[in-house]
């Protein structure tokens, strides 16, 4: 993965995490941000997936830079 592709993917991840934060905030305001709410559970699952992907991308880029 080149640096431009990395930046583009990281930007997408960041935007999705911002959306998750906003949606979770709205759930918290109406007191539905808990594990009895399937939408909340789905948001938390997606948050974990995106966070894990971000960590993998950073690690991959660091390894690429170290060997470059």
PDB file of N, CA and C in Angstrom:
ATOM      1  N   UNK A   1       0.852  -1.172   0.000  1.00  0.00           N
ATOM      2  CA  UNK A   1       0.000   0.000   0.000  1.00  0.00           C
ATOM      3  C   UNK A   1       0.897   1.233   0.000  1.00  0.00           C
ATOM      4  N   UNK A   2       0.622   2.130  -0.940  1.00  0.00           N
ATOM      5  CA  UNK A   2       1.413   3.349  -0.961  1.00  0.00           C
ATOM      6  C   UNK A   2       0.849   4.359   0.038  1.00  0.00           C
ATOM      7  N   UNK A   3       1.592   5.429   0.244  1.00  0.00           N
ATOM      8  CA  UNK A   3       1.225   6.399   1.265  1.00  0.00           C
ATOM      9  C   UNK A   3      -0.104   7.091   0.955  1.00  0.00           C
ATOM     10  N   UNK A   4      -0.374   7.377  -0.308  1.00  0.00           N
ATOM     11  CA  UNK A   4      -1.641   8.019  -0.668  1.00  0.00           C
ATOM     12  C   UNK A   4      -2.836   7.109  -0.359  1.00  0.00           C
ATOM     13  N   UNK A   5      -2.709   5.836  -0.681  1.00  0.00           N
ATOM     14  CA  UNK A   5      -3.777   4.877  -0.384  1.00  0.00           C
ATOM     15  C   UNK A   5      -3.965   4.741   1.128  1.00  0.00           C
ATOM     16  N   UNK A   6      -2.863   4.719   1.849  1.00  0.00           N
ATOM     17  CA  UNK A   6      -2.902   4.652   3.316  1.00  0.00           C
ATOM     18  C   UNK A   6      -3.662   5.857   3.867  1.00  0.00           C
ATOM     19  N   UNK A   7      -3.289   7.055   3.421  1.00  0.00           N
ATOM     20  CA  UNK A   7      -3.950   8.267   3.898  1.00  0.00           C
ATOM     21  C   UNK A   7      -5.434   8.274   3.570  1.00  0.00           C
ATOM     22  N   UNK A   8      -5.788   7.841   2.380  1.00  0.00           N
ATOM     23  CA  UNK A   8      -7.183   7.805   1.970  1.00  0.00           C
ATOM     24  C   UNK A   8      -7.978   6.854   2.861  1.00  0.00           C
ATOM     25  N   UNK A   9      -7.427   5.660   3.109  1.00  0.00           N
ATOM     26  CA  UNK A   9      -8.127   4.683   3.959  1.00  0.00           C
ATOM     27  C   UNK A   9      -8.227   5.175   5.394  1.00  0.00           C
ATOM     28  N   UNK A  10      -7.154   5.771   5.913  1.00  0.00           N
ATOM     29  CA  UNK A  10      -7.181   6.281   7.288  1.00  0.00           C
ATOM     30  C   UNK A  10      -8.202   7.414   7.418  1.00  0.00           C
ATOM     31  N   UNK A  11      -8.316   8.253   6.405  1.00  0.00           N
ATOM     32  CA  UNK A  11      -9.315   9.328   6.423  1.00  0.00           C
ATOM     33  C   UNK A  11     -10.726   8.740   6.457  1.00  0.00           C
ATOM     34  N   UNK A  12     -10.952   7.705   5.667  1.00  0.00           N
ATOM     35  CA  UNK A  12     -12.257   7.044   5.654  1.00  0.00           C
ATOM     36  C   UNK A  12     -12.573   6.445   7.019  1.00  0.00           C
ATOM     37  N   UNK A  13     -11.599   5.794   7.607  1.00  0.00           N
ATOM     38  CA  UNK A  13     -11.792   5.206   8.943  1.00  0.00           C
ATOM     39  C   UNK A  13     -12.131   6.309   9.944  1.00  0.00           C
ATOM     40  N   UNK A  14     -11.384   7.394   9.897  1.00  0.00           N
ATOM     41  CA  UNK A  14     -11.617   8.515  10.812  1.00  0.00           C
ATOM     42  C   UNK A  14     -13.041   9.064  10.653  1.00  0.00           C
ATOM     43  N   UNK A  15     -13.485   9.243   9.422  1.00  0.00           N
ATOM     44  CA  UNK A  15     -14.834   9.757   9.178  1.00  0.00           C
ATOM     45  C   UNK A  15     -15.894   8.801   9.714  1.00  0.00           C
ATOM     46  N   UNK A  16     -15.676   7.500   9.527  1.00  0.00           N
ATOM     47  CA  UNK A  16     -16.634   6.516  10.038  1.00  0.00           C
ATOM     48  C   UNK A  16     -16.657   6.500  11.562  1.00  0.00           C
ATOM     49  N   UNK A  17     -15.484   6.646  12.187  1.00  0.00           N
ATOM     50  CA  UNK A  17     -15.434   6.690  13.646  1.00  0.00           C
ATOM     51  C   UNK A  17     -16.121   7.947  14.179  1.00  0.00           C
ATOM     52  N   UNK A  18     -15.986   9.061  13.478  1.00  0.00           N
ATOM     53  CA  UNK A  18     -16.695  10.281  13.874  1.00  0.00           C
ATOM     54  C   UNK A  18     -18.205  10.072  13.799  1.00  0.00           C
ATOM     55  N   UNK A  19     -18.662   9.407  12.740  1.00  0.00           N
ATOM     56  CA  UNK A  19     -20.088   9.124  12.600  1.00  0.00           C
ATOM     57  C   UNK A  19     -20.571   8.228  13.737  1.00  0.00           C
ATOM     58  N   UNK A  20     -19.799   7.223  14.073  1.00  0.00           N
ATOM     59  CA  UNK A  20     -20.155   6.334  15.179  1.00  0.00           C
ATOM     60  C   UNK A  20     -20.230   7.119  16.481  1.00  0.00           C
ATOM     61  N   UNK A  21     -19.278   8.014  16.698  1.00  0.00           N
ATOM     62  CA  UNK A  21     -19.286   8.828  17.919  1.00  0.00           C
ATOM     63  C   UNK A  21     -20.547   9.686  17.991  1.00  0.00           C
ATOM     64  N   UNK A  22     -20.917  10.294  16.883  1.00  0.00           N
ATOM     65  CA  UNK A  22     -22.122  11.138  16.856  1.00  0.00           C
ATOM     66  C   UNK A  22     -23.381  10.306  17.105  1.00  0.00           C
ATOM     67  N   UNK A  23     -23.462   9.155  16.467  1.00  0.00           N
ATOM     68  CA  UNK A  23     -24.639   8.300  16.641  1.00  0.00           C
ATOM     69  C   UNK A  23     -24.719   7.760  18.068  1.00  0.00           C
ATOM     70  N   UNK A  24     -23.580   7.414  18.642  1.00  0.00           N
ATOM     71  CA  UNK A  24     -23.553   6.933  20.028  1.00  0.00           C
ATOM     72  C   UNK A  24     -23.955   8.048  20.979  1.00  0.00           C
ATOM     73  N   UNK A  25     -23.482   9.259  20.712  1.00  0.00           N
ATOM     74  CA  UNK A  25     -23.856  10.414  21.529  1.00  0.00           C
ATOM     75  C   UNK A  25     -25.377  10.603  21.515  1.00  0.00           C
ATOM     76  N   UNK A  26     -25.968  10.528  20.316  1.00  0.00           N
ATOM     77  CA  UNK A  26     -27.426  10.705  20.218  1.00  0.00           C
ATOM     78  C   UNK A  26     -28.162   9.613  20.997  1.00  0.00           C
ATOM     79  N   UNK A  27     -27.635   8.405  20.979  1.00  0.00           N
ATOM     80  CA  UNK A  27     -28.247   7.324  21.755  1.00  0.00           C
ATOM     81  C   UNK A  27     -28.113   7.605  23.254  1.00  0.00           C
ATOM     82  N   UNK A  28     -26.954   8.109  23.652  1.00  0.00           N
ATOM     83  CA  UNK A  28     -26.732   8.398  25.072  1.00  0.00           C
ATOM     84  C   UNK A  28     -27.694   9.481  25.569  1.00  0.00           C
ATOM     85  N   UNK A  29     -27.950  10.467  24.733  1.00  0.00           N
ATOM     86  CA  UNK A  29     -28.844  11.558  25.108  1.00  0.00           C
ATOM     87  C   UNK A  29     -30.246  11.040  25.423  1.00  0.00           C
ATOM     88  N   UNK A  30     -30.688  10.037  24.674  1.00  0.00           N
ATOM     89  CA  UNK A  30     -32.027   9.480  24.907  1.00  0.00           C
ATOM     90  C   UNK A  30     -31.981   8.195  25.735  1.00  0.00           C
ATOM     91  N   UNK A  31     -30.822   7.954  26.334  1.00  0.00           N
ATOM     92  CA  UNK A  31     -30.635   6.836  27.266  1.00  0.00           C
ATOM     93  C   UNK A  31     -30.851   5.469  26.617  1.00  0.00           C
ATOM     94  N   UNK A  32     -30.373   5.303  25.372  1.00  0.00           N
ATOM     95  CA  UNK A  32     -30.475   3.997  24.703  1.00  0.00           C
ATOM     96  C   UNK A  32     -29.101   3.444  24.326  1.00  0.00           C
ATOM     97  N   UNK A  33     -28.042   4.063  24.801  1.00  0.00           N
ATOM     98  CA  UNK A  33     -26.683   3.608  24.481  1.00  0.00           C
ATOM     99  C   UNK A  33     -26.280   2.507  25.456  1.00  0.00           C
ATOM    100  N   UNK A  34     -26.883   1.341  25.265  1.00  0.00           N
ATOM    101  CA  UNK A  34     -26.536   0.198  26.104  1.00  0.00           C
ATOM    102  C   UNK A  34     -26.706  -1.088  25.298  1.00  0.00           C
ATOM    103  N   UNK A  35     -26.242  -2.177  25.873  1.00  0.00           N
ATOM    104  CA  UNK A  35     -26.197  -3.438  25.130  1.00  0.00           C
ATOM    105  C   UNK A  35     -27.559  -4.099  24.930  1.00  0.00           C
ATOM    106  N   UNK A  36     -28.623  -3.507  25.447  1.00  0.00           N
ATOM    107  CA  UNK A  36     -29.957  -4.010  25.118  1.00  0.00           C
ATOM    108  C   UNK A  36     -30.438  -3.434  23.785  1.00  0.00           C
ATOM    109  N   UNK A  37     -29.723  -2.459  23.259  1.00  0.00           N
ATOM    110  CA  UNK A  37     -30.062  -1.812  21.991  1.00  0.00           C
ATOM    111  C   UNK A  37     -29.212  -2.429  20.874  1.00  0.00           C
ATOM    112  N   UNK A  38     -29.820  -3.154  19.952  1.00  0.00           N
ATOM    113  CA  UNK A  38     -29.052  -3.794  18.876  1.00  0.00           C
ATOM    114  C   UNK A  38     -28.277  -2.801  18.011  1.00  0.00           C
ATOM    115  N   UNK A  39     -28.807  -1.593  17.835  1.00  0.00           N
ATOM    116  CA  UNK A  39     -28.087  -0.577  17.059  1.00  0.00           C
ATOM    117  C   UNK A  39     -26.799  -0.164  17.768  1.00  0.00           C
ATOM    118  N   UNK A  40     -26.867  -0.028  19.088  1.00  0.00           N
ATOM    119  CA  UNK A  40     -25.677   0.307  19.864  1.00  0.00           C
ATOM    120  C   UNK A  40     -24.640  -0.811  19.750  1.00  0.00           C
ATOM    121  N   UNK A  41     -25.094  -2.043  19.864  1.00  0.00           N
ATOM    122  CA  UNK A  41     -24.194  -3.193  19.751  1.00  0.00           C
ATOM    123  C   UNK A  41     -23.510  -3.195  18.385  1.00  0.00           C
ATOM    124  N   UNK A  42     -24.273  -2.936  17.334  1.00  0.00           N
ATOM    125  CA  UNK A  42     -23.701  -2.894  15.981  1.00  0.00           C
ATOM    126  C   UNK A  42     -22.680  -1.763  15.857  1.00  0.00           C
ATOM    127  N   UNK A  43     -22.983  -0.618  16.444  1.00  0.00           N
ATOM    128  CA  UNK A  43     -22.034   0.503  16.402  1.00  0.00           C
ATOM    129  C   UNK A  43     -20.732   0.149  17.126  1.00  0.00           C
ATOM    130  N   UNK A  44     -20.852  -0.489  18.266  1.00  0.00           N
ATOM    131  CA  UNK A  44     -19.652  -0.845  19.029  1.00  0.00           C
ATOM    132  C   UNK A  44     -18.835  -1.901  18.288  1.00  0.00           C
ATOM    133  N   UNK A  45     -19.511  -2.830  17.637  1.00  0.00           N
ATOM    134  CA  UNK A  45     -18.807  -3.844  16.842  1.00  0.00           C
ATOM    135  C   UNK A  45     -18.059  -3.175  15.697  1.00  0.00           C
ATOM    136  N   UNK A  46     -18.722  -2.264  15.005  1.00  0.00           N
ATOM    137  CA  UNK A  46     -18.087  -1.566  13.878  1.00  0.00           C
ATOM    138  C   UNK A  46     -16.926  -0.705  14.369  1.00  0.00           C
ATOM    139  N   UNK A  47     -17.104  -0.067  15.518  1.00  0.00           N
ATOM    140  CA  UNK A  47     -16.022   0.745  16.098  1.00  0.00           C
ATOM    141  C   UNK A  47     -14.786  -0.114  16.333  1.00  0.00           C
ATOM    142  N   UNK A  48     -14.983  -1.286  16.892  1.00  0.00           N
ATOM    143  CA  UNK A  48     -13.856  -2.196  17.149  1.00  0.00           C
ATOM    144  C   UNK A  48     -13.200  -2.618  15.845  1.00  0.00           C
ATOM    145  N   UNK A  49     -14.004  -2.964  14.843  1.00  0.00           N
ATOM    146  CA  UNK A  49     -13.449  -3.368  13.549  1.00  0.00           C
ATOM    147  C   UNK A  49     -12.600  -2.250  12.934  1.00  0.00           C
ATOM    148  N   UNK A  50     -13.126  -1.026  12.963  1.00  0.00           N
ATOM    149  CA  UNK A  50     -12.394   0.103  12.392  1.00  0.00           C
ATOM    150  C   UNK A  50     -11.126   0.407  13.180  1.00  0.00           C
ATOM    151  N   UNK A  51     -11.213   0.338  14.492  1.00  0.00           N
ATOM    152  CA  UNK A  51     -10.033   0.576  15.329  1.00  0.00           C
ATOM    153  C   UNK A  51      -8.960  -0.477  15.067  1.00  0.00           C
ATOM    154  N   UNK A  52      -9.378  -1.728  14.945  1.00  0.00           N
ATOM    155  CA  UNK A  52      -8.430  -2.803  14.653  1.00  0.00           C
ATOM    156  C   UNK A  52      -7.798  -2.617  13.276  1.00  0.00           C
ATOM    157  N   UNK A  53      -8.612  -2.241  12.290  1.00  0.00           N
ATOM    158  CA  UNK A  53      -8.078  -2.011  10.952  1.00  0.00           C
ATOM    159  C   UNK A  53      -7.078  -0.860  10.951  1.00  0.00           C
ATOM    160  N   UNK A  54      -7.409   0.197  11.665  1.00  0.00           N
ATOM    161  CA  UNK A  54      -6.506   1.339  11.765  1.00  0.00           C
ATOM    162  C   UNK A  54      -5.166   0.921  12.369  1.00  0.00           C
ATOM    163  N   UNK A  55      -5.221   0.149  13.433  1.00  0.00           N
ATOM    164  CA  UNK A  55      -3.991  -0.314  14.072  1.00  0.00           C
ATOM    165  C   UNK A  55      -3.159  -1.173  13.117  1.00  0.00           C
ATOM    166  N   UNK A  56      -3.829  -2.053  12.370  1.00  0.00           N
ATOM    167  CA  UNK A  56      -3.109  -2.891  11.394  1.00  0.00           C
ATOM    168  C   UNK A  56      -2.463  -2.039  10.300  1.00  0.00           C
ATOM    169  N   UNK A  57      -3.196  -1.039   9.823  1.00  0.00           N
ATOM    170  CA  UNK A  57      -2.650  -0.164   8.782  1.00  0.00           C
ATOM    171  C   UNK A  57      -1.435   0.607   9.273  1.00  0.00           C
ATOM    172  N   UNK A  58      -1.523   1.140  10.476  1.00  0.00           N
ATOM    173  CA  UNK A  58      -0.392   1.878  11.048  1.00  0.00           C
ATOM    174  C   UNK A  58       0.810   0.946  11.188  1.00  0.00           C
ATOM    175  N   UNK A  59       0.583  -0.243  11.722  1.00  0.00           N
ATOM    176  CA  UNK A  59       1.678  -1.199  11.898  1.00  0.00           C
ATOM    177  C   UNK A  59       2.297  -1.562  10.556  1.00  0.00           C
ATOM    178  N   UNK A  60       1.463  -1.804   9.566  1.00  0.00           N
ATOM    179  CA  UNK A  60       1.947  -2.154   8.244  1.00  0.00           C
ATOM    180  C   UNK A  60       2.774  -1.012   7.644  1.00  0.00           C
ATOM    181  N   UNK A  61       2.283   0.207   7.789  1.00  0.00           N
ATOM    182  CA  UNK A  61       3.012   1.355   7.247  1.00  0.00           C
ATOM    183  C   UNK A  61       4.348   1.545   7.975  1.00  0.00           C
ATOM    184  N   UNK A  62       4.355   1.366   9.281  1.00  0.00           N
ATOM    185  CA  UNK A  62       5.599   1.485  10.042  1.00  0.00           C
ATOM    186  C   UNK A  62       6.606   0.434   9.597  1.00  0.00           C
ATOM    187  N   UNK A  63       6.149  -0.783   9.376  1.00  0.00           N
ATOM    188  CA  UNK A  63       7.045  -1.842   8.897  1.00  0.00           C
ATOM    189  C   UNK A  63       7.568  -1.526   7.498  1.00  0.00           C
ATOM    190  N   UNK A  64       6.690  -1.011   6.669  1.00  0.00           N
ATOM    191  CA  UNK A  64       7.087  -0.632   5.307  1.00  0.00           C
ATOM    192  C   UNK A  64       8.155   0.471   5.356  1.00  0.00           C
ATOM    193  N   UNK A  65       7.952   1.452   6.211  1.00  0.00           N
ATOM    194  CA  UNK A  65       8.925   2.551   6.324  1.00  0.00           C
ATOM    195  C   UNK A  65      10.241   2.067   6.916  1.00  0.00           C
ATOM    196  N   UNK A  66      10.157   1.125   7.836  1.00  0.00           N
ATOM    197  CA  UNK A  66      11.362   0.584   8.473  1.00  0.00           C
ATOM    198  C   UNK A  66      12.212  -0.207   7.474  1.00  0.00           C
ATOM    199  N   UNK A  67      11.545  -0.863   6.520  1.00  0.00           N
ATOM    200  CA  UNK A  67      12.272  -1.671   5.541  1.00  0.00           C
ATOM    201  C   UNK A  67      12.560  -0.899   4.247  1.00  0.00           C
ATOM    202  N   UNK A  68      12.059   0.313   4.170  1.00  0.00           N
ATOM    203  CA  UNK A  68      12.216   1.093   2.944  1.00  0.00           C
ATOM    204  C   UNK A  68      13.485   1.786   2.887  1.00  0.00           C
TER     205      UNK A  68
END
